[in-house]
Every structure is written in structure tokens, then in C-alpha cells.
């Protein structure tokens, strides 16, 4: 494990720019001179007071450069985090809340064919399933628009004919499962792409 001071120097090097690095080098150099002068190193104790005062002033100026550059870098890091993480997270959370409210509202007011389709999926335990893309199936497109199912395949190519969907937890929990033998009324309602092969003849 590298020493703490090495980690600190590495962190500072990443945070500050060229100006700050130059200021840091100057400040460290002047600090070293002050320490050695305090220990009565002959080559440094012979420096007259006025010259030494100028050296100290240069060291203070270097430290100020580091402080200013560090604050700018810190502000940029905070701004970057806010723009790329905080705002997207907040927007995603808001969108999910709105989707949930919309889905539960639509679940109470939507057409019976939508409900039958969802109850079929619940009965067959198909919370996530592969089916035609929304552009190829009107019923699935409506389910997506009503926020009752979600596209669970965000990287699918634009021209894909089949994609994965999933039923959100808040919708899944509201649906009452129905046994397959009670779904005779589903013929012609549930999209044929969702009907299991073993039920095709029955439905």
C-alpha cells in the first residue's frame, strides 16, 4: 500500500492544472528552503533578509496559485458530477414515478383486452418475454404506450422484429393471475405471439 503522502500528491496532481502544479512546485521548494534555513544550513542562512523575504513571498504566491486552481478543479468536478450523475438520476427517478402513476391509472381505466393480455402473462409467469417489436404488433405497442409493459432490451437495433419486454413490478403485483383453462375468452384478444405453443389449439 503506497504511503498516505504519495496518495495525496497523486490526488493533487489529478485535480489541479499546469498553473497549479507550477505553484505547488514553487511552494514546496520555498517550504524546503525555509525548513533547511531553520536548521541553520550554512548555504541558506547566508541569504540576506530582503532576498529571503522575496523567496517567501514567491512561495506564498505559489501556494495561492495552488489554492485557486484546486478550487476551480473542485468546482468543475462538482459541476460534472451534478450534470452527469445527479440530474440524470433525479430525472430517471421522476420518470419512473410518473410511469408508475400512469400505469396504475391506465390499469383501472384501460380496455378489457389489455387486462386479459396482462392476466395471461401473469398466469403463464411470463414477467419478461420475447415478442415482436412495438412497430410490428399493435397490442404490444398499446401496452408500452400505456406504461403497462416496458422494453427490456434498450440496445436492440432499430430494425429488429423481436425484442424483450418486462412487466413492471407495480403492474405485476396488481394483476390477478388466471388459470390457463379459464382463458378461453382470450382467443383473438391476446396477441398470438404471446400464446404458448401448448395453448395454441386450446385458445
N, C-alpha and C. Protein backbone atom coordinates (compact mmCIF):
# COMPACT_ATOMS: atom_id res chain seq x y z
N UNK A 1 0.85 -1.20 0.00
CA UNK A 1 0.00 0.00 0.00
C UNK A 1 0.88 1.24 0.00
N UNK A 2 0.71 2.18 -0.97
CA UNK A 2 1.55 3.37 -1.03
C UNK A 2 1.31 4.26 0.17
N UNK A 3 2.33 5.02 0.61
CA UNK A 3 2.17 5.91 1.76
C UNK A 3 1.11 6.97 1.50
N UNK A 4 0.58 7.52 2.61
CA UNK A 4 -0.51 8.49 2.51
C UNK A 4 -0.09 9.72 1.73
N UNK A 5 1.15 10.21 1.98
CA UNK A 5 1.59 11.42 1.30
C UNK A 5 1.68 11.20 -0.21
N UNK A 6 2.00 9.98 -0.64
CA UNK A 6 2.07 9.69 -2.08
C UNK A 6 0.67 9.75 -2.69
N UNK A 7 -0.31 9.23 -1.97
CA UNK A 7 -1.68 9.29 -2.46
C UNK A 7 -2.17 10.73 -2.54
N UNK A 8 -1.79 11.54 -1.56
CA UNK A 8 -2.20 12.94 -1.55
C UNK A 8 -1.61 13.69 -2.73
N UNK A 9 -0.31 13.47 -2.99
CA UNK A 9 0.34 14.14 -4.11
C UNK A 9 -0.29 13.70 -5.44
N UNK A 10 -0.59 12.40 -5.54
CA UNK A 10 -1.23 11.90 -6.76
C UNK A 10 -2.61 12.52 -6.95
N UNK A 11 -3.37 12.65 -5.86
CA UNK A 11 -4.70 13.26 -5.92
C UNK A 11 -4.60 14.72 -6.36
N UNK A 12 -3.66 15.45 -5.76
CA UNK A 12 -3.50 16.86 -6.12
C UNK A 12 -3.09 17.01 -7.58
N UNK A 13 -2.22 16.12 -8.04
CA UNK A 13 -1.75 16.19 -9.43
C UNK A 13 -2.90 16.00 -10.41
N UNK A 14 -3.87 15.15 -10.03
CA UNK A 14 -5.01 14.92 -10.91
C UNK A 14 -6.00 16.08 -10.87
N UNK A 15 -6.13 16.71 -9.70
CA UNK A 15 -7.13 17.75 -9.53
C UNK A 15 -6.71 19.09 -10.12
N UNK A 16 -5.43 19.44 -10.01
CA UNK A 16 -5.02 20.78 -10.41
C UNK A 16 -4.39 20.75 -11.80
N UNK A 17 -4.40 21.92 -12.46
CA UNK A 17 -3.86 22.04 -13.80
C UNK A 17 -2.39 22.42 -13.78
N UNK A 18 -1.89 22.86 -14.95
CA UNK A 18 -0.46 23.17 -15.08
C UNK A 18 -0.07 24.33 -14.17
N UNK A 19 -0.91 25.38 -14.13
CA UNK A 19 -0.60 26.54 -13.29
C UNK A 19 -0.50 26.13 -11.82
N UNK A 20 -1.46 25.32 -11.39
CA UNK A 20 -1.44 24.86 -10.01
C UNK A 20 -0.25 23.99 -9.71
N UNK A 21 0.16 23.17 -10.69
CA UNK A 21 1.32 22.30 -10.47
C UNK A 21 2.61 23.12 -10.33
N UNK A 22 2.72 24.16 -11.16
CA UNK A 22 3.88 25.04 -11.04
C UNK A 22 3.88 25.72 -9.68
N UNK A 23 2.71 26.22 -9.27
CA UNK A 23 2.60 26.87 -7.96
C UNK A 23 2.92 25.91 -6.84
N UNK A 24 2.48 24.66 -6.98
CA UNK A 24 2.77 23.65 -5.96
C UNK A 24 4.26 23.39 -5.86
N UNK A 25 4.93 23.29 -7.02
CA UNK A 25 6.38 23.05 -7.03
C UNK A 25 7.11 24.20 -6.35
N UNK A 26 6.68 25.44 -6.66
CA UNK A 26 7.32 26.62 -6.05
C UNK A 26 7.09 26.63 -4.55
N UNK A 27 5.84 26.36 -4.13
CA UNK A 27 5.51 26.40 -2.71
C UNK A 27 6.30 25.33 -1.94
N UNK A 28 6.42 24.14 -2.52
CA UNK A 28 7.17 23.08 -1.86
C UNK A 28 8.66 23.41 -1.77
N UNK A 29 9.16 24.01 -2.84
CA UNK A 29 10.58 24.40 -2.85
C UNK A 29 10.87 25.43 -1.78
N UNK A 30 10.02 26.45 -1.70
CA UNK A 30 10.21 27.50 -0.70
C UNK A 30 10.06 26.93 0.71
N UNK A 31 9.12 26.01 0.88
CA UNK A 31 8.95 25.37 2.19
C UNK A 31 10.21 24.61 2.59
N UNK A 32 10.80 23.91 1.62
CA UNK A 32 12.04 23.18 1.89
C UNK A 32 13.16 24.13 2.27
N UNK A 33 13.23 25.26 1.56
CA UNK A 33 14.26 26.26 1.86
C UNK A 33 14.07 26.78 3.28
N UNK A 34 12.80 27.05 3.65
CA UNK A 34 12.53 27.57 4.99
C UNK A 34 12.90 26.54 6.06
N UNK A 35 12.63 25.27 5.81
CA UNK A 35 12.96 24.22 6.78
C UNK A 35 14.48 24.11 6.95
N UNK A 36 15.19 24.08 5.82
CA UNK A 36 16.66 23.96 5.88
C UNK A 36 17.29 25.20 6.50
N UNK A 37 16.72 26.37 6.21
CA UNK A 37 17.23 27.61 6.81
C UNK A 37 17.01 27.58 8.32
N UNK A 38 15.85 27.03 8.73
CA UNK A 38 15.57 26.93 10.16
C UNK A 38 16.51 25.98 10.87
N UNK A 39 17.09 25.04 10.14
CA UNK A 39 18.06 24.09 10.71
C UNK A 39 19.51 24.58 10.54
N UNK A 40 19.62 25.86 10.18
CA UNK A 40 20.93 26.53 10.10
C UNK A 40 21.86 25.92 9.06
N UNK A 41 21.28 25.53 7.91
CA UNK A 41 22.13 25.09 6.81
C UNK A 41 22.89 26.32 6.31
N UNK A 42 24.19 26.23 6.29
CA UNK A 42 25.02 27.41 6.05
C UNK A 42 24.72 28.09 4.73
N UNK A 43 24.52 27.32 3.67
CA UNK A 43 24.29 27.92 2.36
C UNK A 43 23.02 28.77 2.33
N UNK A 44 22.09 28.48 3.24
CA UNK A 44 20.82 29.19 3.24
C UNK A 44 20.76 30.28 4.31
N UNK A 45 21.47 30.09 5.40
CA UNK A 45 21.47 31.12 6.45
C UNK A 45 22.21 32.37 6.00
N UNK A 46 23.06 32.22 4.99
CA UNK A 46 23.80 33.38 4.49
C UNK A 46 22.97 34.28 3.59
N UNK A 47 21.74 33.82 3.23
CA UNK A 47 20.86 34.65 2.40
C UNK A 47 20.39 35.83 3.22
N UNK A 48 20.54 37.04 2.67
CA UNK A 48 20.13 38.23 3.42
C UNK A 48 18.61 38.27 3.57
N UNK A 49 18.14 39.02 4.55
CA UNK A 49 16.72 39.05 4.92
C UNK A 49 15.82 39.53 3.78
N UNK A 50 16.25 40.50 3.02
CA UNK A 50 15.41 41.02 1.93
C UNK A 50 15.22 39.97 0.83
N UNK A 51 16.30 39.28 0.49
CA UNK A 51 16.20 38.22 -0.52
C UNK A 51 15.31 37.09 -0.02
N UNK A 52 15.52 36.74 1.26
CA UNK A 52 14.71 35.67 1.84
C UNK A 52 13.22 36.06 1.88
N UNK A 53 12.96 37.33 2.13
CA UNK A 53 11.58 37.81 2.13
C UNK A 53 10.94 37.65 0.76
N UNK A 54 11.74 37.94 -0.30
CA UNK A 54 11.21 37.77 -1.66
C UNK A 54 10.91 36.30 -1.94
N UNK A 55 11.81 35.41 -1.48
CA UNK A 55 11.61 33.96 -1.68
C UNK A 55 10.32 33.50 -0.99
N UNK A 56 10.12 33.98 0.25
CA UNK A 56 8.90 33.61 0.98
C UNK A 56 7.66 34.12 0.25
N UNK A 57 7.72 35.36 -0.26
CA UNK A 57 6.59 35.93 -0.98
C UNK A 57 6.27 35.10 -2.23
N UNK A 58 7.32 34.65 -2.92
CA UNK A 58 7.12 33.80 -4.09
C UNK A 58 6.46 32.48 -3.67
N UNK A 59 6.89 31.93 -2.55
CA UNK A 59 6.29 30.69 -2.05
C UNK A 59 4.84 30.87 -1.71
N UNK A 60 4.49 32.00 -1.08
CA UNK A 60 3.08 32.28 -0.75
C UNK A 60 2.26 32.43 -2.02
N UNK A 61 2.84 33.12 -3.02
CA UNK A 61 2.14 33.28 -4.29
C UNK A 61 1.90 31.92 -4.95
N UNK A 62 2.91 31.04 -4.89
CA UNK A 62 2.74 29.69 -5.44
C UNK A 62 1.64 28.93 -4.73
N UNK A 63 1.58 29.07 -3.40
CA UNK A 63 0.53 28.39 -2.63
C UNK A 63 -0.85 28.92 -3.01
N UNK A 64 -0.92 30.22 -3.25
CA UNK A 64 -2.21 30.82 -3.67
C UNK A 64 -2.64 30.28 -5.03
N UNK A 65 -1.67 30.10 -5.94
CA UNK A 65 -1.99 29.53 -7.25
C UNK A 65 -2.58 28.13 -7.10
N UNK A 66 -1.96 27.36 -6.19
CA UNK A 66 -2.45 26.01 -5.94
C UNK A 66 -3.88 26.05 -5.41
N UNK A 67 -4.12 26.93 -4.44
CA UNK A 67 -5.44 27.02 -3.82
C UNK A 67 -6.51 27.40 -4.84
N UNK A 68 -6.21 28.42 -5.66
CA UNK A 68 -7.18 28.88 -6.66
C UNK A 68 -7.44 27.79 -7.70
N UNK A 69 -6.35 27.17 -8.19
CA UNK A 69 -6.50 26.13 -9.21
C UNK A 69 -7.26 24.92 -8.64
N UNK A 70 -6.98 24.62 -7.37
CA UNK A 70 -7.67 23.49 -6.74
C UNK A 70 -9.16 23.77 -6.59
N UNK A 71 -9.51 24.99 -6.20
CA UNK A 71 -10.92 25.35 -6.04
C UNK A 71 -11.65 25.30 -7.38
N UNK A 72 -10.97 25.76 -8.44
CA UNK A 72 -11.58 25.70 -9.78
C UNK A 72 -11.80 24.25 -10.19
N UNK A 73 -10.76 23.41 -9.96
CA UNK A 73 -10.88 22.00 -10.32
C UNK A 73 -11.97 21.31 -9.50
N UNK A 74 -12.06 21.68 -8.22
CA UNK A 74 -13.09 21.08 -7.36
C UNK A 74 -14.48 21.48 -7.82
N UNK A 75 -14.64 22.75 -8.19
CA UNK A 75 -15.94 23.22 -8.69
C UNK A 75 -16.31 22.50 -9.98
N UNK A 76 -15.33 22.32 -10.87
CA UNK A 76 -15.60 21.60 -12.13
C UNK A 76 -15.99 20.15 -11.86
N UNK A 77 -15.33 19.54 -10.85
CA UNK A 77 -15.66 18.15 -10.51
C UNK A 77 -17.08 18.05 -9.96
N UNK A 78 -17.45 19.01 -9.10
CA UNK A 78 -18.82 19.03 -8.54
C UNK A 78 -19.84 19.26 -9.66
N UNK A 79 -19.52 20.21 -10.55
CA UNK A 79 -20.44 20.51 -11.65
C UNK A 79 -20.59 19.30 -12.58
N UNK A 80 -19.49 18.62 -12.85
CA UNK A 80 -19.53 17.43 -13.71
C UNK A 80 -20.39 16.34 -13.07
N UNK A 81 -20.17 16.13 -11.77
CA UNK A 81 -20.95 15.10 -11.07
C UNK A 81 -22.43 15.44 -11.08
N UNK A 82 -22.74 16.71 -10.89
CA UNK A 82 -24.14 17.13 -10.85
C UNK A 82 -24.81 16.94 -12.21
N UNK A 83 -24.09 17.33 -13.27
CA UNK A 83 -24.66 17.26 -14.62
C UNK A 83 -24.78 15.82 -15.09
N UNK A 84 -23.77 15.00 -14.80
CA UNK A 84 -23.72 13.65 -15.36
C UNK A 84 -24.28 12.56 -14.45
N UNK A 85 -24.49 12.87 -13.18
CA UNK A 85 -24.98 11.84 -12.26
C UNK A 85 -26.23 12.27 -11.50
N UNK A 86 -26.17 13.42 -10.84
CA UNK A 86 -27.29 13.85 -10.00
C UNK A 86 -28.53 14.14 -10.84
N UNK A 87 -28.38 14.98 -11.87
CA UNK A 87 -29.54 15.34 -12.69
C UNK A 87 -30.12 14.12 -13.41
N UNK A 88 -29.29 13.27 -14.08
CA UNK A 88 -29.87 12.08 -14.71
C UNK A 88 -30.57 11.16 -13.72
N UNK A 89 -29.97 11.00 -12.52
CA UNK A 89 -30.60 10.14 -11.51
C UNK A 89 -31.95 10.71 -11.08
N UNK A 90 -31.99 12.02 -10.86
CA UNK A 90 -33.23 12.68 -10.46
C UNK A 90 -34.27 12.56 -11.57
N UNK A 91 -33.84 12.79 -12.83
CA UNK A 91 -34.76 12.70 -13.96
C UNK A 91 -35.29 11.28 -14.14
N UNK A 92 -34.39 10.29 -13.97
CA UNK A 92 -34.81 8.89 -14.09
C UNK A 92 -35.80 8.51 -12.99
N UNK A 93 -35.53 8.98 -11.78
CA UNK A 93 -36.43 8.69 -10.66
C UNK A 93 -37.79 9.34 -10.89
N UNK A 94 -37.80 10.58 -11.39
CA UNK A 94 -39.05 11.28 -11.68
C UNK A 94 -39.82 10.57 -12.78
N UNK A 95 -39.10 10.13 -13.82
CA UNK A 95 -39.76 9.44 -14.93
C UNK A 95 -40.37 8.12 -14.46
N UNK A 96 -39.66 7.40 -13.61
CA UNK A 96 -40.19 6.13 -13.10
C UNK A 96 -41.43 6.35 -12.24
N UNK A 97 -41.41 7.41 -11.44
CA UNK A 97 -42.58 7.71 -10.62
C UNK A 97 -43.78 8.07 -11.50
N UNK A 98 -43.53 8.86 -12.54
CA UNK A 98 -44.61 9.23 -13.45
C UNK A 98 -45.13 8.01 -14.21
N UNK A 99 -44.21 7.13 -14.63
CA UNK A 99 -44.61 5.90 -15.32
C UNK A 99 -45.48 5.03 -14.42
N UNK A 100 -45.10 4.95 -13.17
CA UNK A 100 -45.87 4.13 -12.22
C UNK A 100 -47.28 4.69 -12.05
N UNK A 101 -47.37 6.01 -11.85
CA UNK A 101 -48.68 6.64 -11.68
C UNK A 101 -49.54 6.46 -12.93
N UNK A 102 -48.92 6.63 -14.10
CA UNK A 102 -49.65 6.47 -15.36
C UNK A 102 -50.11 5.03 -15.54
N UNK A 103 -49.23 4.08 -15.24
CA UNK A 103 -49.56 2.66 -15.43
C UNK A 103 -50.72 2.25 -14.52
N UNK A 104 -50.66 2.62 -13.27
CA UNK A 104 -51.71 2.23 -12.33
C UNK A 104 -53.05 2.89 -12.67
N UNK A 105 -52.97 4.12 -13.18
CA UNK A 105 -54.19 4.79 -13.62
C UNK A 105 -54.78 4.09 -14.84
N UNK A 106 -53.91 3.75 -15.81
CA UNK A 106 -54.38 3.07 -17.02
C UNK A 106 -54.89 1.67 -16.71
N UNK A 107 -54.31 1.05 -15.69
CA UNK A 107 -54.73 -0.30 -15.33
C UNK A 107 -56.19 -0.32 -14.88
N UNK A 108 -56.66 0.79 -14.33
CA UNK A 108 -58.03 0.86 -13.85
C UNK A 108 -59.02 1.32 -14.92
N UNK A 109 -58.50 1.93 -15.97
CA UNK A 109 -59.40 2.52 -16.96
C UNK A 109 -59.24 1.95 -18.37
N UNK A 110 -58.26 1.08 -18.55
CA UNK A 110 -57.95 0.61 -19.90
C UNK A 110 -58.95 -0.43 -20.38
N UNK A 111 -58.86 -0.79 -21.66
CA UNK A 111 -59.79 -1.74 -22.27
C UNK A 111 -59.58 -3.15 -21.71
N UNK A 112 -60.62 -3.96 -21.82
CA UNK A 112 -60.59 -5.31 -21.29
C UNK A 112 -59.54 -6.17 -21.98
N UNK A 113 -59.30 -5.93 -23.27
CA UNK A 113 -58.32 -6.76 -23.98
C UNK A 113 -56.92 -6.58 -23.40
N UNK A 114 -56.61 -5.38 -22.93
CA UNK A 114 -55.32 -5.13 -22.29
C UNK A 114 -55.22 -5.92 -20.99
N UNK A 115 -56.28 -5.88 -20.20
CA UNK A 115 -56.29 -6.59 -18.93
C UNK A 115 -56.14 -8.09 -19.15
N UNK A 116 -56.86 -8.63 -20.14
CA UNK A 116 -56.79 -10.06 -20.42
C UNK A 116 -55.36 -10.46 -20.81
N UNK A 117 -54.73 -9.63 -21.61
CA UNK A 117 -53.35 -9.92 -22.02
C UNK A 117 -52.42 -9.94 -20.82
N UNK A 118 -52.57 -8.98 -19.92
CA UNK A 118 -51.72 -8.94 -18.73
C UNK A 118 -52.01 -10.12 -17.80
N UNK A 119 -53.27 -10.49 -17.67
CA UNK A 119 -53.63 -11.63 -16.82
C UNK A 119 -53.09 -12.94 -17.42
N UNK A 120 -53.07 -12.99 -18.73
CA UNK A 120 -52.49 -14.16 -19.39
C UNK A 120 -51.00 -14.28 -19.07
N UNK A 121 -50.29 -13.15 -19.18
CA UNK A 121 -48.85 -13.15 -18.88
C UNK A 121 -48.61 -13.55 -17.43
N UNK A 122 -49.46 -13.07 -16.53
CA UNK A 122 -49.30 -13.42 -15.11
C UNK A 122 -49.57 -14.91 -14.90
N UNK A 123 -50.61 -15.43 -15.57
CA UNK A 123 -50.94 -16.85 -15.42
C UNK A 123 -49.82 -17.74 -15.92
N UNK A 124 -49.14 -17.31 -16.98
CA UNK A 124 -48.05 -18.10 -17.56
C UNK A 124 -46.69 -17.74 -16.95
N UNK A 125 -46.69 -16.84 -15.93
CA UNK A 125 -45.47 -16.44 -15.23
C UNK A 125 -44.42 -15.89 -16.21
N UNK A 126 -44.91 -15.10 -17.12
CA UNK A 126 -44.02 -14.52 -18.13
C UNK A 126 -43.84 -13.03 -17.85
N UNK A 127 -43.11 -12.74 -16.79
CA UNK A 127 -42.86 -11.35 -16.41
C UNK A 127 -41.91 -10.68 -17.43
N UNK A 128 -41.02 -11.47 -17.95
CA UNK A 128 -40.13 -10.99 -19.02
C UNK A 128 -40.29 -11.94 -20.19
N UNK A 129 -40.46 -11.39 -21.38
CA UNK A 129 -40.75 -12.25 -22.52
C UNK A 129 -40.24 -11.62 -23.82
N UNK A 130 -40.06 -12.49 -24.80
CA UNK A 130 -39.64 -12.08 -26.14
C UNK A 130 -40.86 -12.01 -27.03
N UNK A 131 -41.01 -10.93 -27.75
CA UNK A 131 -42.19 -10.74 -28.60
C UNK A 131 -41.85 -9.75 -29.71
N UNK A 132 -42.73 -9.61 -30.71
CA UNK A 132 -42.46 -8.65 -31.79
C UNK A 132 -42.27 -7.23 -31.26
N UNK A 133 -41.44 -6.47 -31.94
CA UNK A 133 -41.21 -5.07 -31.57
C UNK A 133 -42.53 -4.29 -31.69
N UNK A 134 -42.66 -3.18 -30.96
CA UNK A 134 -43.92 -2.42 -30.97
C UNK A 134 -44.41 -2.06 -32.37
N UNK A 135 -43.48 -1.81 -33.27
CA UNK A 135 -43.89 -1.44 -34.62
C UNK A 135 -44.55 -2.56 -35.40
N UNK A 136 -44.42 -3.79 -34.91
CA UNK A 136 -44.99 -4.95 -35.61
C UNK A 136 -46.20 -5.54 -34.89
N UNK A 137 -46.57 -4.97 -33.77
CA UNK A 137 -47.70 -5.52 -33.02
C UNK A 137 -48.46 -4.39 -32.34
N UNK A 138 -49.68 -4.17 -32.77
CA UNK A 138 -50.49 -3.05 -32.26
C UNK A 138 -50.77 -3.20 -30.76
N UNK A 139 -51.12 -4.40 -30.32
CA UNK A 139 -51.46 -4.61 -28.91
C UNK A 139 -50.26 -4.35 -28.01
N UNK A 140 -49.11 -4.84 -28.40
CA UNK A 140 -47.91 -4.60 -27.60
C UNK A 140 -47.54 -3.12 -27.60
N UNK A 141 -47.74 -2.48 -28.73
CA UNK A 141 -47.46 -1.04 -28.81
C UNK A 141 -48.34 -0.27 -27.83
N UNK A 142 -49.60 -0.66 -27.73
CA UNK A 142 -50.50 0.00 -26.78
C UNK A 142 -50.06 -0.26 -25.33
N UNK A 143 -49.65 -1.49 -25.05
CA UNK A 143 -49.18 -1.81 -23.71
C UNK A 143 -47.98 -0.96 -23.31
N UNK A 144 -47.08 -0.74 -24.26
CA UNK A 144 -45.91 0.10 -23.99
C UNK A 144 -46.34 1.54 -23.80
N UNK A 145 -47.22 2.04 -24.66
CA UNK A 145 -47.68 3.42 -24.57
C UNK A 145 -48.41 3.68 -23.25
N UNK A 146 -49.13 2.68 -22.76
CA UNK A 146 -49.86 2.83 -21.50
C UNK A 146 -48.98 2.58 -20.28
N UNK A 147 -47.67 2.34 -20.51
CA UNK A 147 -46.70 2.09 -19.45
C UNK A 147 -47.00 0.81 -18.65
N UNK A 148 -47.73 -0.12 -19.26
CA UNK A 148 -48.07 -1.36 -18.58
C UNK A 148 -47.02 -2.44 -18.80
N UNK A 149 -46.22 -2.31 -19.83
CA UNK A 149 -45.03 -3.13 -20.01
C UNK A 149 -43.90 -2.20 -20.45
N UNK A 150 -42.68 -2.66 -20.27
CA UNK A 150 -41.51 -1.85 -20.62
C UNK A 150 -40.62 -2.62 -21.58
N UNK A 151 -39.98 -1.90 -22.47
CA UNK A 151 -38.98 -2.52 -23.33
C UNK A 151 -37.76 -2.82 -22.48
N UNK A 152 -37.41 -4.08 -22.37
CA UNK A 152 -36.31 -4.51 -21.51
C UNK A 152 -35.11 -4.90 -22.36
N UNK A 153 -34.94 -4.20 -23.45
CA UNK A 153 -33.88 -4.51 -24.41
C UNK A 153 -33.47 -3.20 -25.08
N UNK A 154 -32.91 -2.25 -24.28
CA UNK A 154 -32.68 -0.89 -24.78
C UNK A 154 -31.71 -0.79 -25.94
N UNK A 155 -30.87 -1.80 -26.16
CA UNK A 155 -29.87 -1.72 -27.21
C UNK A 155 -30.26 -2.48 -28.47
N UNK A 156 -31.54 -2.79 -28.59
CA UNK A 156 -31.94 -3.54 -29.78
C UNK A 156 -31.80 -2.66 -31.03
N UNK A 157 -31.40 -3.24 -32.15
CA UNK A 157 -31.23 -2.46 -33.38
C UNK A 157 -32.57 -1.93 -33.87
N UNK A 158 -32.57 -0.77 -34.53
CA UNK A 158 -33.82 -0.14 -34.97
C UNK A 158 -34.72 -1.05 -35.81
N UNK A 159 -34.13 -1.90 -36.62
CA UNK A 159 -34.95 -2.73 -37.50
C UNK A 159 -35.31 -4.08 -36.93
N UNK A 160 -35.02 -4.31 -35.64
CA UNK A 160 -35.28 -5.62 -35.04
C UNK A 160 -36.77 -5.94 -35.05
N UNK A 161 -37.10 -7.16 -35.35
CA UNK A 161 -38.51 -7.57 -35.37
C UNK A 161 -38.96 -8.10 -34.01
N UNK A 162 -38.02 -8.58 -33.19
CA UNK A 162 -38.36 -9.10 -31.88
C UNK A 162 -37.47 -8.46 -30.81
N UNK A 163 -38.06 -8.18 -29.67
CA UNK A 163 -37.31 -7.61 -28.55
C UNK A 163 -37.85 -8.20 -27.25
N UNK A 164 -37.14 -7.95 -26.18
CA UNK A 164 -37.59 -8.39 -24.86
C UNK A 164 -38.39 -7.29 -24.17
N UNK A 165 -39.46 -7.72 -23.54
CA UNK A 165 -40.28 -6.83 -22.72
C UNK A 165 -40.28 -7.35 -21.29
N UNK A 166 -40.69 -6.50 -20.36
CA UNK A 166 -40.92 -6.94 -18.99
C UNK A 166 -42.10 -6.17 -18.41
N UNK A 167 -42.80 -6.82 -17.50
CA UNK A 167 -43.92 -6.18 -16.82
C UNK A 167 -43.38 -5.58 -15.53
N UNK A 168 -43.55 -4.26 -15.32
CA UNK A 168 -43.04 -3.64 -14.08
C UNK A 168 -43.64 -4.29 -12.84
N UNK A 169 -42.88 -4.27 -11.77
CA UNK A 169 -43.33 -4.89 -10.52
C UNK A 169 -44.67 -4.34 -10.06
N UNK A 170 -44.84 -3.00 -10.15
CA UNK A 170 -46.07 -2.40 -9.65
C UNK A 170 -47.29 -2.79 -10.48
N UNK A 171 -47.10 -3.17 -11.74
CA UNK A 171 -48.21 -3.69 -12.55
C UNK A 171 -48.41 -5.17 -12.26
N UNK A 172 -47.30 -5.89 -12.21
CA UNK A 172 -47.34 -7.34 -11.97
C UNK A 172 -48.08 -7.66 -10.67
N UNK A 173 -47.83 -6.85 -9.64
CA UNK A 173 -48.44 -7.10 -8.34
C UNK A 173 -49.94 -6.81 -8.34
N UNK A 174 -50.40 -5.97 -9.26
CA UNK A 174 -51.82 -5.61 -9.31
C UNK A 174 -52.65 -6.60 -10.12
N UNK A 175 -51.98 -7.41 -10.93
CA UNK A 175 -52.70 -8.31 -11.82
C UNK A 175 -53.07 -9.60 -11.09
N UNK A 176 -54.31 -9.99 -11.23
CA UNK A 176 -54.79 -11.24 -10.64
C UNK A 176 -54.53 -12.38 -11.62
N UNK A 177 -53.71 -13.37 -11.25
CA UNK A 177 -53.42 -14.47 -12.18
C UNK A 177 -54.66 -15.31 -12.44
N UNK A 178 -54.79 -15.77 -13.66
CA UNK A 178 -55.91 -16.61 -14.05
C UNK A 178 -55.37 -17.91 -14.62
N UNK A 179 -55.95 -19.02 -14.24
CA UNK A 179 -55.51 -20.31 -14.76
C UNK A 179 -55.74 -20.36 -16.26
N UNK A 180 -54.83 -21.01 -17.02
CA UNK A 180 -54.96 -21.06 -18.48
C UNK A 180 -56.30 -21.61 -18.96
N UNK A 181 -56.86 -22.57 -18.22
CA UNK A 181 -58.14 -23.14 -18.69
C UNK A 181 -59.30 -22.15 -18.60
N UNK A 182 -59.08 -21.05 -17.89
CA UNK A 182 -60.13 -20.04 -17.79
C UNK A 182 -59.94 -18.91 -18.80
N UNK A 183 -59.00 -19.10 -19.71
CA UNK A 183 -58.70 -18.04 -20.66
C UNK A 183 -59.27 -18.32 -22.05
N UNK A 184 -60.35 -19.06 -22.14
CA UNK A 184 -60.93 -19.37 -23.45
C UNK A 184 -61.38 -18.10 -24.16
N UNK A 185 -61.74 -17.10 -23.39
CA UNK A 185 -62.18 -15.84 -23.99
C UNK A 185 -61.02 -15.04 -24.58
N UNK A 186 -59.80 -15.53 -24.34
CA UNK A 186 -58.63 -14.78 -24.81
C UNK A 186 -58.36 -14.98 -26.30
N UNK A 187 -59.01 -15.98 -26.91
CA UNK A 187 -58.76 -16.22 -28.33
C UNK A 187 -59.13 -14.98 -29.14
N UNK A 188 -58.21 -14.54 -29.93
CA UNK A 188 -58.43 -13.35 -30.75
C UNK A 188 -58.19 -12.05 -30.00
N UNK A 189 -57.86 -12.14 -28.70
CA UNK A 189 -57.58 -10.94 -27.90
C UNK A 189 -56.10 -10.86 -27.54
N UNK A 190 -55.61 -11.92 -26.91
CA UNK A 190 -54.19 -11.98 -26.58
C UNK A 190 -53.40 -12.08 -27.88
N UNK A 191 -52.38 -11.24 -28.06
CA UNK A 191 -51.57 -11.34 -29.28
C UNK A 191 -51.06 -12.76 -29.48
N UNK A 192 -51.19 -13.27 -30.68
CA UNK A 192 -50.79 -14.65 -30.95
C UNK A 192 -49.33 -14.90 -30.62
N UNK A 193 -48.50 -13.87 -30.68
CA UNK A 193 -47.08 -14.03 -30.38
C UNK A 193 -46.83 -14.31 -28.90
N UNK A 194 -47.84 -14.07 -28.05
CA UNK A 194 -47.69 -14.30 -26.62
C UNK A 194 -48.27 -15.62 -26.18
N UNK A 195 -49.00 -16.29 -27.06
CA UNK A 195 -49.67 -17.52 -26.68
C UNK A 195 -48.68 -18.67 -26.78
N UNK A 196 -48.51 -19.39 -25.69
CA UNK A 196 -47.58 -20.52 -25.67
C UNK A 196 -48.03 -21.58 -26.68
N UNK A 197 -47.07 -22.28 -27.23
CA UNK A 197 -47.37 -23.28 -28.24
C UNK A 197 -48.36 -24.33 -27.73
N UNK A 198 -48.23 -24.70 -26.44
CA UNK A 198 -49.08 -25.75 -25.93
C UNK A 198 -50.52 -25.31 -25.74
N UNK A 199 -50.76 -23.98 -25.91
CA UNK A 199 -52.13 -23.48 -25.73
C UNK A 199 -52.74 -23.03 -27.06
N UNK A 200 -51.99 -23.06 -28.12
CA UNK A 200 -52.49 -22.55 -29.39
C UNK A 200 -53.79 -23.24 -29.78
N UNK A 201 -53.82 -24.57 -29.71
CA UNK A 201 -55.01 -25.30 -30.14
C UNK A 201 -56.19 -25.02 -29.18
N UNK A 202 -55.87 -24.90 -27.87
CA UNK A 202 -56.95 -24.71 -26.91
C UNK A 202 -57.61 -23.36 -27.08
N UNK A 203 -56.74 -22.31 -27.23
CA UNK A 203 -57.28 -20.96 -27.32
C UNK A 203 -57.83 -20.68 -28.71
